[in-house]
Amino acid sequence: MSQLKKTGLAAVALLLAMGIAGCGSESEEVKLTADQEKAMNERLAPAGEVVLEKDVPSAPVAAASSGPRSGEEVYNSKCSACHASGAAGAPKFGSAADWDSRLAQGIETLYTHAVKGIRGMPAKGLCMDCSEDEIHAAVDYILENSK
């Protein structure tokens, strides 16, 4: 490298060092007005807080439903998300070919798989508020409409 370039780089480095040092060399304490203090505190306030589950008051119990949901209601609200399109390899609603081999294993096996999950299907198809009877009704509804 030429002597001129070395001198130029040294000068730039020296100027940067002086500039950085000058930024933090304020000798007087900064005095904020009450409004400035308030604004700063609002900007620096946390966006939220951590609350442990044990410290949260329990929510009021929702009114009891009028009874178990029908297989059609469960299918439409939960199962159709995958079984209408065949997502993740789910057997399609209305396709006898998709359901025949599964039904050959027996209805109890289908119920067990629907409740406990199998391969890509999670337990209860993620309908955690569904009873086993509601899941069985949904399986029956799907089979009835997939002949």
N, C-alpha and C. Protein backbone atom coordinates (compact mmCIF):
# COMPACT_ATOMS: atom_id res chain seq x y z
N MET A 1 0.85 -1.17 0.00
CA MET A 1 0.00 0.00 0.00
C MET A 1 0.90 1.24 0.00
N SER A 2 0.48 2.22 -0.69
CA SER A 2 1.31 3.43 -0.77
C SER A 2 1.25 4.20 0.54
N GLN A 3 2.28 5.01 0.75
CA GLN A 3 2.39 5.82 1.96
C GLN A 3 1.21 6.78 2.06
N LEU A 4 0.75 7.30 0.95
CA LEU A 4 -0.36 8.25 0.93
C LEU A 4 -1.65 7.58 1.42
N LYS A 5 -1.89 6.36 0.95
CA LYS A 5 -3.10 5.64 1.36
C LYS A 5 -3.04 5.33 2.85
N LYS A 6 -1.86 4.92 3.34
CA LYS A 6 -1.72 4.61 4.76
C LYS A 6 -1.98 5.84 5.61
N THR A 7 -1.48 6.97 5.18
CA THR A 7 -1.68 8.23 5.92
C THR A 7 -3.15 8.62 5.90
N GLY A 8 -3.79 8.45 4.74
CA GLY A 8 -5.22 8.78 4.61
C GLY A 8 -6.08 7.91 5.51
N LEU A 9 -5.79 6.60 5.54
CA LEU A 9 -6.55 5.69 6.41
C LEU A 9 -6.34 6.02 7.87
N ALA A 10 -5.12 6.36 8.24
CA ALA A 10 -4.82 6.72 9.63
C ALA A 10 -5.58 7.98 10.02
N ALA A 11 -5.68 8.93 9.10
CA ALA A 11 -6.39 10.18 9.39
C ALA A 11 -7.88 9.91 9.58
N VAL A 12 -8.44 9.06 8.72
CA VAL A 12 -9.87 8.72 8.84
C VAL A 12 -10.12 8.02 10.17
N ALA A 13 -9.28 7.07 10.53
CA ALA A 13 -9.43 6.34 11.79
C ALA A 13 -9.35 7.29 12.98
N LEU A 14 -8.43 8.25 12.93
CA LEU A 14 -8.28 9.22 14.01
C LEU A 14 -9.52 10.10 14.14
N LEU A 15 -10.06 10.54 13.00
CA LEU A 15 -11.27 11.36 13.03
C LEU A 15 -12.46 10.58 13.59
N LEU A 16 -12.59 9.32 13.19
CA LEU A 16 -13.68 8.49 13.73
C LEU A 16 -13.54 8.31 15.23
N ALA A 17 -12.35 8.03 15.69
CA ALA A 17 -12.12 7.84 17.12
C ALA A 17 -12.45 9.10 17.90
N MET A 18 -12.07 10.24 17.37
CA MET A 18 -12.36 11.51 18.05
C MET A 18 -13.86 11.78 18.05
N GLY A 19 -14.51 11.45 16.94
CA GLY A 19 -15.96 11.67 16.87
C GLY A 19 -16.72 10.80 17.85
N ILE A 20 -16.30 9.55 17.94
CA ILE A 20 -16.96 8.64 18.87
C ILE A 20 -16.70 9.08 20.31
N ALA A 21 -15.50 9.46 20.62
CA ALA A 21 -15.16 9.91 21.98
C ALA A 21 -15.95 11.16 22.32
N GLY A 22 -16.16 12.02 21.35
CA GLY A 22 -16.88 13.26 21.60
C GLY A 22 -18.35 13.03 21.89
N CYS A 23 -18.88 11.94 21.38
CA CYS A 23 -20.31 11.65 21.60
C CYS A 23 -20.62 11.37 23.06
N GLY A 24 -19.68 10.79 23.76
CA GLY A 24 -19.96 10.40 25.14
C GLY A 24 -19.31 11.31 26.16
N SER A 25 -18.86 12.46 25.75
CA SER A 25 -18.13 13.31 26.69
C SER A 25 -18.98 14.44 27.25
N GLU A 26 -20.25 14.23 27.36
CA GLU A 26 -21.12 15.28 27.88
C GLU A 26 -20.85 15.42 29.38
N SER A 27 -20.55 16.61 29.81
CA SER A 27 -20.16 16.79 31.20
C SER A 27 -21.31 17.25 32.07
N GLU A 28 -22.38 17.78 31.48
CA GLU A 28 -23.50 18.24 32.28
C GLU A 28 -24.61 17.20 32.30
N GLU A 29 -25.30 17.10 33.41
CA GLU A 29 -26.42 16.18 33.52
C GLU A 29 -27.59 16.75 32.73
N VAL A 30 -28.27 15.89 32.01
CA VAL A 30 -29.42 16.33 31.21
C VAL A 30 -30.63 16.41 32.13
N LYS A 31 -31.27 17.56 32.11
CA LYS A 31 -32.47 17.77 32.93
C LYS A 31 -33.68 17.68 32.02
N LEU A 32 -34.64 16.83 32.38
CA LEU A 32 -35.86 16.66 31.60
C LEU A 32 -37.02 17.36 32.28
N THR A 33 -37.91 17.88 31.47
CA THR A 33 -39.13 18.46 32.03
C THR A 33 -40.04 17.31 32.47
N ALA A 34 -41.08 17.62 33.19
CA ALA A 34 -42.01 16.58 33.65
C ALA A 34 -42.66 15.88 32.46
N ASP A 35 -43.00 16.65 31.43
CA ASP A 35 -43.61 16.06 30.23
C ASP A 35 -42.62 15.15 29.50
N GLN A 36 -41.36 15.57 29.41
CA GLN A 36 -40.35 14.75 28.76
C GLN A 36 -40.12 13.46 29.54
N GLU A 37 -40.07 13.57 30.86
CA GLU A 37 -39.89 12.41 31.73
C GLU A 37 -41.04 11.42 31.54
N LYS A 38 -42.26 11.95 31.51
CA LYS A 38 -43.44 11.11 31.33
C LYS A 38 -43.40 10.41 29.97
N ALA A 39 -43.07 11.15 28.92
CA ALA A 39 -43.00 10.58 27.57
C ALA A 39 -41.93 9.50 27.49
N MET A 40 -40.78 9.74 28.13
CA MET A 40 -39.71 8.76 28.11
C MET A 40 -40.14 7.49 28.85
N ASN A 41 -40.77 7.64 29.99
CA ASN A 41 -41.23 6.48 30.76
C ASN A 41 -42.26 5.66 29.97
N GLU A 42 -43.13 6.35 29.23
CA GLU A 42 -44.11 5.64 28.41
C GLU A 42 -43.42 4.85 27.29
N ARG A 43 -42.39 5.45 26.67
CA ARG A 43 -41.67 4.76 25.60
C ARG A 43 -40.90 3.56 26.12
N LEU A 44 -40.39 3.66 27.32
CA LEU A 44 -39.57 2.59 27.88
C LEU A 44 -40.37 1.55 28.67
N ALA A 45 -41.66 1.78 28.84
CA ALA A 45 -42.49 0.84 29.61
C ALA A 45 -42.56 -0.49 28.86
N PRO A 46 -42.61 -1.61 29.60
CA PRO A 46 -42.71 -2.91 28.94
C PRO A 46 -44.00 -3.03 28.14
N ALA A 47 -43.94 -3.83 27.07
CA ALA A 47 -45.11 -4.00 26.20
C ALA A 47 -46.15 -4.90 26.86
N GLY A 48 -45.77 -5.70 27.80
CA GLY A 48 -46.69 -6.60 28.48
C GLY A 48 -46.05 -7.09 29.76
N GLU A 49 -46.66 -8.10 30.34
CA GLU A 49 -46.10 -8.66 31.55
C GLU A 49 -46.36 -10.15 31.58
N VAL A 50 -45.56 -10.85 32.32
CA VAL A 50 -45.71 -12.29 32.46
C VAL A 50 -46.62 -12.55 33.65
N VAL A 51 -47.64 -13.38 33.43
CA VAL A 51 -48.56 -13.74 34.50
C VAL A 51 -48.63 -15.25 34.54
N LEU A 52 -48.42 -15.83 35.69
CA LEU A 52 -48.51 -17.27 35.84
C LEU A 52 -49.96 -17.71 35.87
N GLU A 53 -50.21 -18.88 35.35
CA GLU A 53 -51.58 -19.38 35.28
C GLU A 53 -52.25 -19.41 36.64
N LYS A 54 -51.48 -19.76 37.67
CA LYS A 54 -52.05 -19.84 39.02
C LYS A 54 -52.51 -18.47 39.54
N ASP A 55 -52.00 -17.39 38.94
CA ASP A 55 -52.35 -16.04 39.38
C ASP A 55 -53.51 -15.42 38.60
N VAL A 56 -54.02 -16.17 37.61
CA VAL A 56 -55.12 -15.66 36.79
C VAL A 56 -56.43 -16.15 37.38
N PRO A 57 -57.36 -15.23 37.65
CA PRO A 57 -58.65 -15.69 38.16
C PRO A 57 -59.34 -16.55 37.11
N SER A 58 -60.02 -17.58 37.55
CA SER A 58 -60.66 -18.46 36.58
C SER A 58 -61.82 -17.74 35.91
N ALA A 59 -61.97 -18.09 34.63
CA ALA A 59 -63.04 -17.49 33.83
C ALA A 59 -64.38 -18.07 34.25
N PRO A 60 -65.43 -17.30 34.08
CA PRO A 60 -66.74 -17.85 34.42
C PRO A 60 -67.06 -19.03 33.50
N VAL A 61 -67.73 -20.00 34.05
CA VAL A 61 -68.08 -21.19 33.28
C VAL A 61 -69.14 -20.80 32.25
N ALA A 62 -68.89 -21.21 31.01
CA ALA A 62 -69.85 -20.91 29.94
C ALA A 62 -71.12 -21.71 30.16
N ALA A 63 -72.18 -21.20 29.61
CA ALA A 63 -73.45 -21.89 29.73
C ALA A 63 -73.34 -23.26 29.07
N ALA A 64 -73.93 -24.24 29.69
CA ALA A 64 -73.88 -25.60 29.16
C ALA A 64 -74.57 -25.66 27.81
N SER A 65 -74.01 -26.48 26.92
CA SER A 65 -74.62 -26.61 25.61
C SER A 65 -75.91 -27.40 25.73
N SER A 66 -76.67 -27.40 24.68
CA SER A 66 -77.97 -28.06 24.71
C SER A 66 -77.84 -29.57 24.55
N GLY A 67 -76.64 -30.07 24.48
CA GLY A 67 -76.43 -31.51 24.34
C GLY A 67 -75.27 -31.78 23.41
N PRO A 68 -75.02 -33.04 23.15
CA PRO A 68 -73.90 -33.37 22.27
C PRO A 68 -74.14 -32.87 20.85
N ARG A 69 -73.04 -32.50 20.19
CA ARG A 69 -73.13 -32.05 18.80
C ARG A 69 -73.34 -33.26 17.89
N SER A 70 -73.99 -33.02 16.79
CA SER A 70 -74.21 -34.10 15.82
C SER A 70 -72.91 -34.37 15.07
N GLY A 71 -72.86 -35.52 14.43
CA GLY A 71 -71.70 -35.85 13.61
C GLY A 71 -71.48 -34.82 12.52
N GLU A 72 -72.56 -34.32 11.94
CA GLU A 72 -72.45 -33.31 10.89
C GLU A 72 -71.87 -32.01 11.45
N GLU A 73 -72.32 -31.61 12.64
CA GLU A 73 -71.79 -30.38 13.25
C GLU A 73 -70.29 -30.51 13.53
N VAL A 74 -69.87 -31.65 14.08
CA VAL A 74 -68.46 -31.85 14.38
C VAL A 74 -67.66 -31.88 13.10
N TYR A 75 -68.15 -32.61 12.09
CA TYR A 75 -67.45 -32.67 10.80
C TYR A 75 -67.28 -31.26 10.22
N ASN A 76 -68.37 -30.51 10.16
CA ASN A 76 -68.32 -29.17 9.54
C ASN A 76 -67.42 -28.20 10.30
N SER A 77 -67.37 -28.32 11.64
CA SER A 77 -66.59 -27.36 12.42
C SER A 77 -65.13 -27.79 12.60
N LYS A 78 -64.83 -29.07 12.51
CA LYS A 78 -63.47 -29.54 12.79
C LYS A 78 -62.88 -30.40 11.67
N CYS A 79 -63.57 -31.47 11.34
CA CYS A 79 -63.01 -32.50 10.44
C CYS A 79 -62.84 -32.02 9.00
N SER A 80 -63.74 -31.16 8.56
CA SER A 80 -63.72 -30.74 7.15
C SER A 80 -62.44 -30.01 6.77
N ALA A 81 -61.74 -29.45 7.74
CA ALA A 81 -60.51 -28.72 7.44
C ALA A 81 -59.53 -29.60 6.67
N CYS A 82 -59.47 -30.88 6.99
CA CYS A 82 -58.55 -31.79 6.29
C CYS A 82 -59.28 -32.76 5.37
N HIS A 83 -60.42 -33.28 5.84
CA HIS A 83 -61.09 -34.34 5.09
C HIS A 83 -61.85 -33.83 3.86
N ALA A 84 -62.13 -32.56 3.76
CA ALA A 84 -62.78 -32.03 2.54
C ALA A 84 -61.81 -31.99 1.37
N SER A 85 -60.54 -31.69 1.68
CA SER A 85 -59.54 -31.54 0.61
C SER A 85 -58.55 -32.69 0.52
N GLY A 86 -58.50 -33.52 1.56
CA GLY A 86 -57.50 -34.59 1.59
C GLY A 86 -56.14 -34.11 2.05
N ALA A 87 -56.12 -33.01 2.78
CA ALA A 87 -54.86 -32.44 3.26
C ALA A 87 -54.08 -33.46 4.07
N ALA A 88 -52.77 -33.47 3.89
CA ALA A 88 -51.85 -34.35 4.62
C ALA A 88 -52.21 -35.83 4.46
N GLY A 89 -52.84 -36.16 3.34
CA GLY A 89 -53.18 -37.56 3.07
C GLY A 89 -54.46 -38.03 3.73
N ALA A 90 -55.25 -37.11 4.27
CA ALA A 90 -56.51 -37.49 4.91
C ALA A 90 -57.46 -38.07 3.87
N PRO A 91 -58.18 -39.14 4.23
CA PRO A 91 -59.18 -39.66 3.29
C PRO A 91 -60.28 -38.62 3.09
N LYS A 92 -60.67 -38.44 1.83
CA LYS A 92 -61.63 -37.38 1.50
C LYS A 92 -63.07 -37.77 1.83
N PHE A 93 -63.77 -36.79 2.32
CA PHE A 93 -65.21 -36.92 2.56
C PHE A 93 -65.89 -37.18 1.22
N GLY A 94 -66.75 -38.19 1.17
CA GLY A 94 -67.48 -38.49 -0.05
C GLY A 94 -66.79 -39.48 -0.98
N SER A 95 -65.55 -39.86 -0.67
CA SER A 95 -64.80 -40.78 -1.53
C SER A 95 -64.83 -42.19 -0.94
N ALA A 96 -65.66 -43.05 -1.52
CA ALA A 96 -65.76 -44.43 -1.04
C ALA A 96 -64.41 -45.13 -1.13
N ALA A 97 -63.67 -44.88 -2.20
CA ALA A 97 -62.37 -45.53 -2.39
C ALA A 97 -61.41 -45.18 -1.25
N ASP A 98 -61.46 -43.95 -0.76
CA ASP A 98 -60.58 -43.54 0.34
C ASP A 98 -60.95 -44.22 1.66
N TRP A 99 -62.21 -44.54 1.84
CA TRP A 99 -62.67 -45.07 3.12
C TRP A 99 -62.82 -46.58 3.16
N ASP A 100 -62.96 -47.26 2.00
CA ASP A 100 -63.19 -48.71 1.99
C ASP A 100 -62.09 -49.48 2.71
N SER A 101 -60.82 -49.19 2.42
CA SER A 101 -59.73 -49.93 3.07
C SER A 101 -59.68 -49.65 4.57
N ARG A 102 -60.03 -48.47 4.97
CA ARG A 102 -60.04 -48.14 6.39
C ARG A 102 -61.20 -48.83 7.10
N LEU A 103 -62.34 -48.86 6.44
CA LEU A 103 -63.51 -49.51 7.02
C LEU A 103 -63.30 -51.02 7.11
N ALA A 104 -62.49 -51.58 6.22
CA ALA A 104 -62.19 -53.02 6.25
C ALA A 104 -61.49 -53.41 7.55
N GLN A 105 -60.85 -52.47 8.22
CA GLN A 105 -60.18 -52.74 9.49
C GLN A 105 -61.18 -52.85 10.64
N GLY A 106 -62.40 -52.43 10.40
CA GLY A 106 -63.44 -52.47 11.42
C GLY A 106 -63.76 -51.09 11.96
N ILE A 107 -65.01 -50.90 12.30
CA ILE A 107 -65.47 -49.59 12.77
C ILE A 107 -64.80 -49.21 14.09
N GLU A 108 -64.55 -50.17 14.97
CA GLU A 108 -63.91 -49.87 16.25
C GLU A 108 -62.50 -49.33 16.04
N THR A 109 -61.79 -49.87 15.04
CA THR A 109 -60.45 -49.38 14.72
C THR A 109 -60.53 -47.94 14.21
N LEU A 110 -61.53 -47.66 13.37
CA LEU A 110 -61.71 -46.28 12.89
C LEU A 110 -62.00 -45.34 14.05
N TYR A 111 -62.86 -45.76 14.96
CA TYR A 111 -63.16 -44.93 16.13
C TYR A 111 -61.90 -44.67 16.95
N THR A 112 -61.11 -45.73 17.18
CA THR A 112 -59.88 -45.60 17.97
C THR A 112 -58.91 -44.64 17.30
N HIS A 113 -58.73 -44.77 15.99
CA HIS A 113 -57.82 -43.87 15.27
C HIS A 113 -58.33 -42.42 15.32
N ALA A 114 -59.63 -42.26 15.22
CA ALA A 114 -60.19 -40.90 15.26
C ALA A 114 -59.99 -40.27 16.65
N VAL A 115 -60.13 -41.06 17.69
CA VAL A 115 -59.99 -40.52 19.05
C VAL A 115 -58.53 -40.35 19.44
N LYS A 116 -57.69 -41.34 19.14
CA LYS A 116 -56.28 -41.31 19.58
C LYS A 116 -55.33 -40.71 18.55
N GLY A 117 -55.78 -40.63 17.29
CA GLY A 117 -54.92 -40.12 16.23
C GLY A 117 -54.16 -41.24 15.55
N ILE A 118 -53.75 -40.98 14.33
CA ILE A 118 -52.95 -41.94 13.57
C ILE A 118 -52.20 -41.17 12.49
N ARG A 119 -50.94 -41.54 12.29
CA ARG A 119 -50.07 -40.88 11.31
C ARG A 119 -50.21 -39.35 11.39
N GLY A 120 -50.67 -38.70 10.32
CA GLY A 120 -50.76 -37.24 10.30
C GLY A 120 -51.96 -36.67 11.03
N MET A 121 -52.89 -37.54 11.44
CA MET A 121 -54.10 -37.04 12.11
C MET A 121 -53.86 -36.98 13.62
N PRO A 122 -53.98 -35.81 14.20
CA PRO A 122 -53.83 -35.70 15.66
C PRO A 122 -55.05 -36.28 16.38
N ALA A 123 -54.89 -36.54 17.64
CA ALA A 123 -55.99 -37.05 18.46
C ALA A 123 -57.21 -36.14 18.34
N LYS A 124 -58.34 -36.78 18.14
CA LYS A 124 -59.63 -36.09 18.00
C LYS A 124 -59.62 -35.02 16.90
N GLY A 125 -58.67 -35.11 15.98
CA GLY A 125 -58.59 -34.10 14.93
C GLY A 125 -58.45 -32.71 15.51
N LEU A 126 -57.86 -32.63 16.70
CA LEU A 126 -57.66 -31.38 17.47
C LEU A 126 -58.95 -30.80 18.03
N CYS A 127 -60.02 -31.58 18.04
CA CYS A 127 -61.27 -31.12 18.66
C CYS A 127 -61.23 -31.55 20.13
N MET A 128 -60.47 -30.82 20.92
CA MET A 128 -60.25 -31.22 22.30
C MET A 128 -61.48 -31.07 23.18
N ASP A 129 -62.47 -30.32 22.72
CA ASP A 129 -63.70 -30.21 23.51
C ASP A 129 -64.77 -31.20 23.02
N CYS A 130 -64.41 -32.08 22.09
CA CYS A 130 -65.34 -33.11 21.61
C CYS A 130 -65.28 -34.33 22.52
N SER A 131 -66.42 -34.89 22.79
CA SER A 131 -66.46 -36.14 23.54
C SER A 131 -66.17 -37.29 22.57
N GLU A 132 -65.88 -38.46 23.12
CA GLU A 132 -65.66 -39.62 22.25
C GLU A 132 -66.92 -39.92 21.45
N ASP A 133 -68.08 -39.77 22.06
CA ASP A 133 -69.33 -40.02 21.34
C ASP A 133 -69.48 -39.06 20.16
N GLU A 134 -69.08 -37.80 20.35
CA GLU A 134 -69.17 -36.84 19.24
C GLU A 134 -68.20 -37.20 18.12
N ILE A 135 -67.01 -37.68 18.48
CA ILE A 135 -66.04 -38.11 17.47
C ILE A 135 -66.59 -39.32 16.72
N HIS A 136 -67.17 -40.28 17.45
CA HIS A 136 -67.77 -41.45 16.80
C HIS A 136 -68.89 -41.01 15.86
N ALA A 137 -69.69 -40.05 16.28
CA ALA A 137 -70.78 -39.56 15.42
C ALA A 137 -70.22 -38.91 14.16
N ALA A 138 -69.10 -38.21 14.28
CA ALA A 138 -68.47 -37.59 13.11
C ALA A 138 -67.97 -38.66 12.15
N VAL A 139 -67.36 -39.72 12.69
CA VAL A 139 -66.90 -40.83 11.85
C VAL A 139 -68.10 -41.46 11.13
N ASP A 140 -69.17 -41.71 11.86
CA ASP A 140 -70.38 -42.28 11.26
C ASP A 140 -70.91 -41.38 10.15
N TYR A 141 -70.94 -40.08 10.39
CA TYR A 141 -71.42 -39.11 9.38
C TYR A 141 -70.55 -39.17 8.13
N ILE A 142 -69.24 -39.20 8.31
CA ILE A 142 -68.32 -39.25 7.16
C ILE A 142 -68.55 -40.53 6.37
N LEU A 143 -68.63 -41.67 7.06
CA LEU A 143 -68.83 -42.95 6.38
C LEU A 143 -70.15 -43.00 5.64
N GLU A 144 -71.20 -42.50 6.30
CA GLU A 144 -72.53 -42.50 5.68
C GLU A 144 -72.53 -41.69 4.37
N ASN A 145 -71.71 -40.66 4.33
CA ASN A 145 -71.68 -39.80 3.15
C ASN A 145 -70.52 -40.12 2.21
N SER A 146 -69.89 -41.27 2.42
CA SER A 146 -68.75 -41.65 1.58
C SER A 146 -68.95 -43.05 1.00
N LYS A 147 -70.17 -43.36 0.64
CA LYS A 147 -70.47 -44.68 0.08
C LYS A 147 -70.42 -44.65 -1.43
